[in-house]
Amino acid sequence: MDPISVSALVTLLSKIFDGTTGKVGEQLWDNLTSVVRRAFGRRSTSVEAAKRLGERPGDADSIRSLAEALVADSARDPQGAVQVRHWVARAERALVDAGSISNTVTGDVHGNVVQARDIRGDITF
């Protein structure tokens, strides 16, 4: 498996806390804190960093601190690193799925229909 990078973790954690992931983000955060406690023990730097981030959700410095702690703890504990990598893979899939849009048009439609995501600005036909 590929090594875990600070920048990739910062990006992933930032997405979880950016307010757009809703319940999925909450579940991912809960899962991560469980993985970190199981993988590295309750007194690890990752657990402490996760606790601080939990107290300051979305704080950029706390996100970076957790990412750095996860990378450092993973470097010391290969088995823990595997658990973190599995969480990262699940989290990335969940965020992609959470961002999926499903548009359905049924019945008789008279006029224009727009199927889109994240429109900024006017739409003209």
N, C-alpha and C. Protein backbone atom coordinates (compact mmCIF):
# COMPACT_ATOMS: atom_id res chain seq x y z
N MET A 1 0.83 -1.18 0.00
CA MET A 1 0.00 0.00 0.00
C MET A 1 0.88 1.25 0.00
N ASP A 2 0.33 2.31 -0.56
CA ASP A 2 1.05 3.57 -0.61
C ASP A 2 1.19 4.19 0.78
N PRO A 3 2.26 4.94 1.00
CA PRO A 3 2.41 5.61 2.28
C PRO A 3 1.34 6.70 2.44
N ILE A 4 1.04 7.01 3.67
CA ILE A 4 0.05 8.05 3.97
C ILE A 4 0.77 9.38 3.96
N SER A 5 0.19 10.38 3.28
CA SER A 5 0.83 11.69 3.22
C SER A 5 0.03 12.71 4.03
N VAL A 6 0.75 13.67 4.58
CA VAL A 6 0.11 14.74 5.35
C VAL A 6 -0.84 15.52 4.47
N SER A 7 -0.41 15.87 3.26
CA SER A 7 -1.26 16.70 2.40
C SER A 7 -2.55 15.98 2.01
N ALA A 8 -2.47 14.68 1.73
CA ALA A 8 -3.68 13.93 1.40
C ALA A 8 -4.63 13.87 2.59
N LEU A 9 -4.08 13.67 3.78
CA LEU A 9 -4.92 13.63 4.98
C LEU A 9 -5.53 14.99 5.28
N VAL A 10 -4.77 16.06 5.10
CA VAL A 10 -5.30 17.41 5.31
C VAL A 10 -6.48 17.66 4.37
N THR A 11 -6.32 17.27 3.12
CA THR A 11 -7.40 17.45 2.14
C THR A 11 -8.63 16.66 2.54
N LEU A 12 -8.44 15.42 2.91
CA LEU A 12 -9.56 14.55 3.29
C LEU A 12 -10.25 15.07 4.55
N LEU A 13 -9.48 15.40 5.58
CA LEU A 13 -10.06 15.91 6.81
C LEU A 13 -10.77 17.24 6.59
N SER A 14 -10.21 18.08 5.75
CA SER A 14 -10.85 19.36 5.45
C SER A 14 -12.22 19.16 4.80
N LYS A 15 -12.31 18.18 3.91
CA LYS A 15 -13.59 17.87 3.27
C LYS A 15 -14.62 17.41 4.30
N ILE A 16 -14.16 16.62 5.25
CA ILE A 16 -15.08 16.12 6.28
C ILE A 16 -15.65 17.27 7.10
N PHE A 17 -14.85 18.28 7.33
CA PHE A 17 -15.27 19.39 8.18
C PHE A 17 -15.76 20.61 7.42
N ASP A 18 -15.85 20.56 6.11
CA ASP A 18 -16.21 21.78 5.36
C ASP A 18 -17.70 22.10 5.38
N GLY A 19 -18.50 21.26 6.00
CA GLY A 19 -19.92 21.54 6.13
C GLY A 19 -20.78 20.99 5.01
N THR A 20 -20.19 20.41 4.00
CA THR A 20 -20.97 19.91 2.87
C THR A 20 -21.22 18.41 2.94
N THR A 21 -20.57 17.73 3.88
CA THR A 21 -20.68 16.28 3.91
C THR A 21 -21.77 15.77 4.85
N GLY A 22 -22.32 16.64 5.69
CA GLY A 22 -23.43 16.28 6.56
C GLY A 22 -23.18 15.05 7.39
N LYS A 23 -24.18 14.16 7.39
CA LYS A 23 -24.11 12.92 8.18
C LYS A 23 -22.92 12.06 7.79
N VAL A 24 -22.61 12.03 6.51
CA VAL A 24 -21.46 11.22 6.06
C VAL A 24 -20.19 11.70 6.75
N GLY A 25 -20.01 13.01 6.80
CA GLY A 25 -18.83 13.56 7.46
C GLY A 25 -18.80 13.22 8.94
N GLU A 26 -19.94 13.29 9.59
CA GLU A 26 -20.01 12.94 11.01
C GLU A 26 -19.64 11.47 11.23
N GLN A 27 -20.17 10.60 10.37
CA GLN A 27 -19.87 9.17 10.49
C GLN A 27 -18.39 8.90 10.23
N LEU A 28 -17.84 9.56 9.23
CA LEU A 28 -16.42 9.37 8.93
C LEU A 28 -15.55 9.82 10.11
N TRP A 29 -15.92 10.93 10.72
CA TRP A 29 -15.16 11.42 11.87
C TRP A 29 -15.24 10.43 13.02
N ASP A 30 -16.44 9.94 13.31
CA ASP A 30 -16.60 8.95 14.38
C ASP A 30 -15.78 7.69 14.09
N ASN A 31 -15.81 7.26 12.83
CA ASN A 31 -15.04 6.07 12.44
C ASN A 31 -13.54 6.31 12.62
N LEU A 32 -13.07 7.49 12.22
CA LEU A 32 -11.65 7.78 12.33
C LEU A 32 -11.21 7.77 13.79
N THR A 33 -11.97 8.40 14.66
CA THR A 33 -11.56 8.43 16.07
C THR A 33 -11.50 7.01 16.64
N SER A 34 -12.42 6.15 16.23
CA SER A 34 -12.39 4.75 16.68
C SER A 34 -11.17 4.02 16.13
N VAL A 35 -10.89 4.23 14.85
CA VAL A 35 -9.73 3.58 14.23
C VAL A 35 -8.45 4.03 14.92
N VAL A 36 -8.33 5.31 15.19
CA VAL A 36 -7.11 5.85 15.80
C VAL A 36 -6.90 5.26 17.20
N ARG A 37 -7.97 5.18 17.99
CA ARG A 37 -7.84 4.60 19.34
C ARG A 37 -7.44 3.13 19.27
N ARG A 38 -8.09 2.39 18.36
CA ARG A 38 -7.76 0.96 18.21
C ARG A 38 -6.34 0.76 17.67
N ALA A 39 -5.98 1.55 16.68
CA ALA A 39 -4.71 1.35 15.99
C ALA A 39 -3.51 1.78 16.83
N PHE A 40 -3.64 2.91 17.52
CA PHE A 40 -2.47 3.49 18.17
C PHE A 40 -2.57 3.59 19.69
N GLY A 41 -3.69 3.26 20.25
CA GLY A 41 -3.83 3.34 21.71
C GLY A 41 -4.32 4.70 22.16
N ARG A 42 -4.94 4.70 23.28
CA ARG A 42 -5.61 5.91 23.79
C ARG A 42 -4.65 7.06 24.13
N ARG A 43 -3.38 6.78 24.31
CA ARG A 43 -2.44 7.83 24.70
C ARG A 43 -1.52 8.26 23.56
N SER A 44 -1.86 7.93 22.35
CA SER A 44 -1.00 8.28 21.21
C SER A 44 -1.16 9.75 20.85
N THR A 45 -0.19 10.24 20.09
CA THR A 45 -0.28 11.63 19.62
C THR A 45 -1.48 11.81 18.69
N SER A 46 -1.82 10.78 17.95
CA SER A 46 -2.99 10.88 17.05
C SER A 46 -4.28 11.01 17.83
N VAL A 47 -4.41 10.27 18.92
CA VAL A 47 -5.63 10.37 19.74
C VAL A 47 -5.73 11.77 20.33
N GLU A 48 -4.62 12.29 20.83
CA GLU A 48 -4.63 13.65 21.40
C GLU A 48 -4.97 14.69 20.33
N ALA A 49 -4.39 14.53 19.14
CA ALA A 49 -4.67 15.47 18.05
C ALA A 49 -6.12 15.37 17.61
N ALA A 50 -6.67 14.16 17.57
CA ALA A 50 -8.09 13.98 17.21
C ALA A 50 -8.98 14.64 18.25
N LYS A 51 -8.61 14.51 19.50
CA LYS A 51 -9.39 15.14 20.58
C LYS A 51 -9.41 16.66 20.40
N ARG A 52 -8.25 17.24 20.11
CA ARG A 52 -8.18 18.70 19.91
C ARG A 52 -9.03 19.13 18.70
N LEU A 53 -8.96 18.36 17.62
CA LEU A 53 -9.76 18.69 16.44
C LEU A 53 -11.24 18.55 16.75
N GLY A 54 -11.60 17.54 17.53
CA GLY A 54 -12.99 17.38 17.93
C GLY A 54 -13.51 18.56 18.73
N GLU A 55 -12.62 19.19 19.49
CA GLU A 55 -12.98 20.36 20.27
C GLU A 55 -13.04 21.62 19.41
N ARG A 56 -12.33 21.61 18.29
CA ARG A 56 -12.30 22.76 17.36
C ARG A 56 -12.54 22.27 15.93
N PRO A 57 -13.74 21.76 15.67
CA PRO A 57 -14.02 21.17 14.35
C PRO A 57 -13.70 22.13 13.20
N GLY A 58 -12.93 21.64 12.26
CA GLY A 58 -12.62 22.42 11.06
C GLY A 58 -11.43 23.35 11.20
N ASP A 59 -10.87 23.49 12.40
CA ASP A 59 -9.72 24.36 12.60
C ASP A 59 -8.53 23.86 11.77
N ALA A 60 -8.02 24.71 10.91
CA ALA A 60 -6.97 24.31 9.96
C ALA A 60 -5.71 23.81 10.67
N ASP A 61 -5.31 24.48 11.75
CA ASP A 61 -4.11 24.03 12.47
C ASP A 61 -4.34 22.67 13.13
N SER A 62 -5.54 22.46 13.65
CA SER A 62 -5.85 21.18 14.28
C SER A 62 -5.93 20.06 13.24
N ILE A 63 -6.44 20.38 12.06
CA ILE A 63 -6.48 19.39 10.97
C ILE A 63 -5.06 18.98 10.59
N ARG A 64 -4.19 19.97 10.41
CA ARG A 64 -2.80 19.68 10.04
C ARG A 64 -2.11 18.89 11.14
N SER A 65 -2.35 19.24 12.40
CA SER A 65 -1.73 18.52 13.52
C SER A 65 -2.15 17.06 13.54
N LEU A 66 -3.44 16.81 13.29
CA LEU A 66 -3.91 15.43 13.26
C LEU A 66 -3.28 14.67 12.09
N ALA A 67 -3.23 15.30 10.94
CA ALA A 67 -2.62 14.65 9.77
C ALA A 67 -1.16 14.30 10.04
N GLU A 68 -0.43 15.22 10.63
CA GLU A 68 0.98 14.97 10.95
C GLU A 68 1.12 13.85 11.99
N ALA A 69 0.25 13.85 12.99
CA ALA A 69 0.30 12.81 14.02
C ALA A 69 -0.02 11.44 13.42
N LEU A 70 -1.01 11.39 12.54
CA LEU A 70 -1.36 10.12 11.89
C LEU A 70 -0.20 9.58 11.06
N VAL A 71 0.46 10.46 10.33
CA VAL A 71 1.61 10.03 9.53
C VAL A 71 2.74 9.54 10.44
N ALA A 72 3.02 10.27 11.51
CA ALA A 72 4.10 9.87 12.43
C ALA A 72 3.77 8.55 13.13
N ASP A 73 2.54 8.42 13.63
CA ASP A 73 2.17 7.17 14.30
C ASP A 73 2.16 6.00 13.31
N SER A 74 1.74 6.25 12.10
CA SER A 74 1.72 5.20 11.07
C SER A 74 3.13 4.75 10.72
N ALA A 75 4.07 5.68 10.72
CA ALA A 75 5.47 5.32 10.43
C ALA A 75 6.04 4.42 11.52
N ARG A 76 5.59 4.60 12.75
CA ARG A 76 6.08 3.79 13.87
C ARG A 76 5.35 2.45 14.00
N ASP A 77 4.11 2.39 13.48
CA ASP A 77 3.28 1.20 13.69
C ASP A 77 2.67 0.75 12.36
N PRO A 78 3.32 -0.18 11.66
CA PRO A 78 2.82 -0.62 10.36
C PRO A 78 1.40 -1.20 10.39
N GLN A 79 1.05 -1.90 11.45
CA GLN A 79 -0.30 -2.44 11.53
C GLN A 79 -1.33 -1.32 11.69
N GLY A 80 -0.98 -0.33 12.49
CA GLY A 80 -1.86 0.84 12.62
C GLY A 80 -1.98 1.59 11.31
N ALA A 81 -0.87 1.66 10.58
CA ALA A 81 -0.88 2.33 9.28
C ALA A 81 -1.86 1.67 8.33
N VAL A 82 -1.92 0.34 8.36
CA VAL A 82 -2.85 -0.39 7.49
C VAL A 82 -4.29 0.02 7.83
N GLN A 83 -4.60 0.11 9.11
CA GLN A 83 -5.95 0.50 9.52
C GLN A 83 -6.29 1.92 9.06
N VAL A 84 -5.33 2.82 9.18
CA VAL A 84 -5.55 4.20 8.74
C VAL A 84 -5.75 4.24 7.23
N ARG A 85 -4.93 3.49 6.48
CA ARG A 85 -5.08 3.46 5.02
C ARG A 85 -6.45 2.92 4.61
N HIS A 86 -6.91 1.90 5.32
CA HIS A 86 -8.25 1.36 5.02
C HIS A 86 -9.32 2.41 5.29
N TRP A 87 -9.16 3.15 6.40
CA TRP A 87 -10.13 4.22 6.69
C TRP A 87 -10.09 5.28 5.59
N VAL A 88 -8.89 5.66 5.16
CA VAL A 88 -8.76 6.66 4.09
C VAL A 88 -9.48 6.20 2.84
N ALA A 89 -9.29 4.96 2.45
CA ALA A 89 -9.94 4.43 1.24
C ALA A 89 -11.46 4.46 1.39
N ARG A 90 -11.96 4.02 2.55
CA ARG A 90 -13.42 4.05 2.78
C ARG A 90 -13.95 5.47 2.78
N ALA A 91 -13.20 6.39 3.41
CA ALA A 91 -13.63 7.78 3.49
C ALA A 91 -13.68 8.42 2.11
N GLU A 92 -12.67 8.16 1.30
CA GLU A 92 -12.66 8.73 -0.06
C GLU A 92 -13.86 8.23 -0.87
N ARG A 93 -14.16 6.93 -0.76
CA ARG A 93 -15.33 6.38 -1.47
C ARG A 93 -16.62 7.01 -0.95
N ALA A 94 -16.73 7.13 0.36
CA ALA A 94 -17.95 7.68 0.96
C ALA A 94 -18.16 9.13 0.54
N LEU A 95 -17.08 9.91 0.46
CA LEU A 95 -17.22 11.31 0.05
C LEU A 95 -17.60 11.42 -1.42
N VAL A 96 -17.07 10.53 -2.24
CA VAL A 96 -17.47 10.53 -3.65
C VAL A 96 -18.95 10.18 -3.76
N ASP A 97 -19.37 9.14 -3.04
CA ASP A 97 -20.77 8.73 -3.08
C ASP A 97 -21.69 9.81 -2.53
N ALA A 98 -21.26 10.51 -1.48
CA ALA A 98 -22.07 11.57 -0.89
C ALA A 98 -22.24 12.74 -1.86
N GLY A 99 -21.27 12.91 -2.74
CA GLY A 99 -21.34 14.00 -3.71
C GLY A 99 -22.07 13.63 -4.98
N SER A 100 -22.49 12.38 -5.06
CA SER A 100 -23.19 11.93 -6.27
C SER A 100 -24.57 12.58 -6.34
N ILE A 101 -24.96 12.91 -7.53
CA ILE A 101 -26.26 13.51 -7.77
C ILE A 101 -27.07 12.56 -8.63
N SER A 102 -28.31 12.39 -8.27
CA SER A 102 -29.20 11.56 -9.06
C SER A 102 -30.41 12.40 -9.43
N ASN A 103 -30.54 12.72 -10.69
CA ASN A 103 -31.68 13.50 -11.18
C ASN A 103 -32.65 12.59 -11.89
N THR A 104 -33.92 12.72 -11.54
CA THR A 104 -34.94 11.92 -12.18
C THR A 104 -36.08 12.83 -12.61
N VAL A 105 -36.49 12.70 -13.85
CA VAL A 105 -37.63 13.45 -14.36
C VAL A 105 -38.67 12.43 -14.77
N THR A 106 -39.87 12.56 -14.21
CA THR A 106 -40.94 11.63 -14.55
C THR A 106 -42.17 12.41 -15.00
N GLY A 107 -43.04 11.73 -15.69
CA GLY A 107 -44.28 12.38 -16.14
C GLY A 107 -44.06 13.20 -17.38
N ASP A 108 -45.11 13.92 -17.74
CA ASP A 108 -45.04 14.79 -18.92
C ASP A 108 -44.33 16.08 -18.55
N VAL A 109 -43.35 16.42 -19.34
CA VAL A 109 -42.61 17.66 -19.12
C VAL A 109 -42.86 18.57 -20.30
N HIS A 110 -43.31 19.77 -20.02
CA HIS A 110 -43.52 20.78 -21.06
C HIS A 110 -42.60 21.94 -20.73
N GLY A 111 -41.59 22.10 -21.51
CA GLY A 111 -40.63 23.16 -21.24
C GLY A 111 -39.24 22.57 -21.03
N ASN A 112 -38.39 23.39 -20.46
CA ASN A 112 -36.99 23.01 -20.29
C ASN A 112 -36.75 22.33 -18.95
N VAL A 113 -35.78 21.44 -18.92
CA VAL A 113 -35.35 20.78 -17.70
C VAL A 113 -33.84 20.90 -17.62
N VAL A 114 -33.34 21.23 -16.43
CA VAL A 114 -31.90 21.30 -16.20
C VAL A 114 -31.53 20.24 -15.19
N GLN A 115 -30.56 19.44 -15.53
CA GLN A 115 -29.99 18.48 -14.59
C GLN A 115 -28.55 18.87 -14.39
N ALA A 116 -28.23 19.26 -13.15
CA ALA A 116 -26.89 19.78 -12.91
C ALA A 116 -26.56 19.68 -11.43
N ARG A 117 -25.35 20.04 -11.14
CA ARG A 117 -24.88 20.13 -9.77
C ARG A 117 -24.10 21.43 -9.62
N ASP A 118 -24.27 22.08 -8.49
CA ASP A 118 -23.49 23.28 -8.12
C ASP A 118 -23.52 24.35 -9.21
N ILE A 119 -24.67 24.89 -9.46
CA ILE A 119 -24.79 25.96 -10.44
C ILE A 119 -24.53 27.29 -9.75
N ARG A 120 -23.67 28.07 -10.32
CA ARG A 120 -23.40 29.41 -9.81
C ARG A 120 -23.67 30.38 -10.95
N GLY A 121 -24.62 31.23 -10.77
CA GLY A 121 -24.97 32.16 -11.83
C GLY A 121 -26.28 31.82 -12.47
N ASP A 122 -26.62 32.53 -13.51
CA ASP A 122 -27.90 32.39 -14.20
C ASP A 122 -27.88 31.23 -15.18
N ILE A 123 -29.09 30.75 -15.45
CA ILE A 123 -29.30 29.76 -16.52
C ILE A 123 -30.27 30.39 -17.50
N THR A 124 -29.91 30.37 -18.76
CA THR A 124 -30.76 30.94 -19.80
C THR A 124 -30.99 29.89 -20.88
N PHE A 125 -32.24 29.80 -21.33
CA PHE A 125 -32.55 28.88 -22.44
C PHE A 125 -32.83 29.67 -23.69
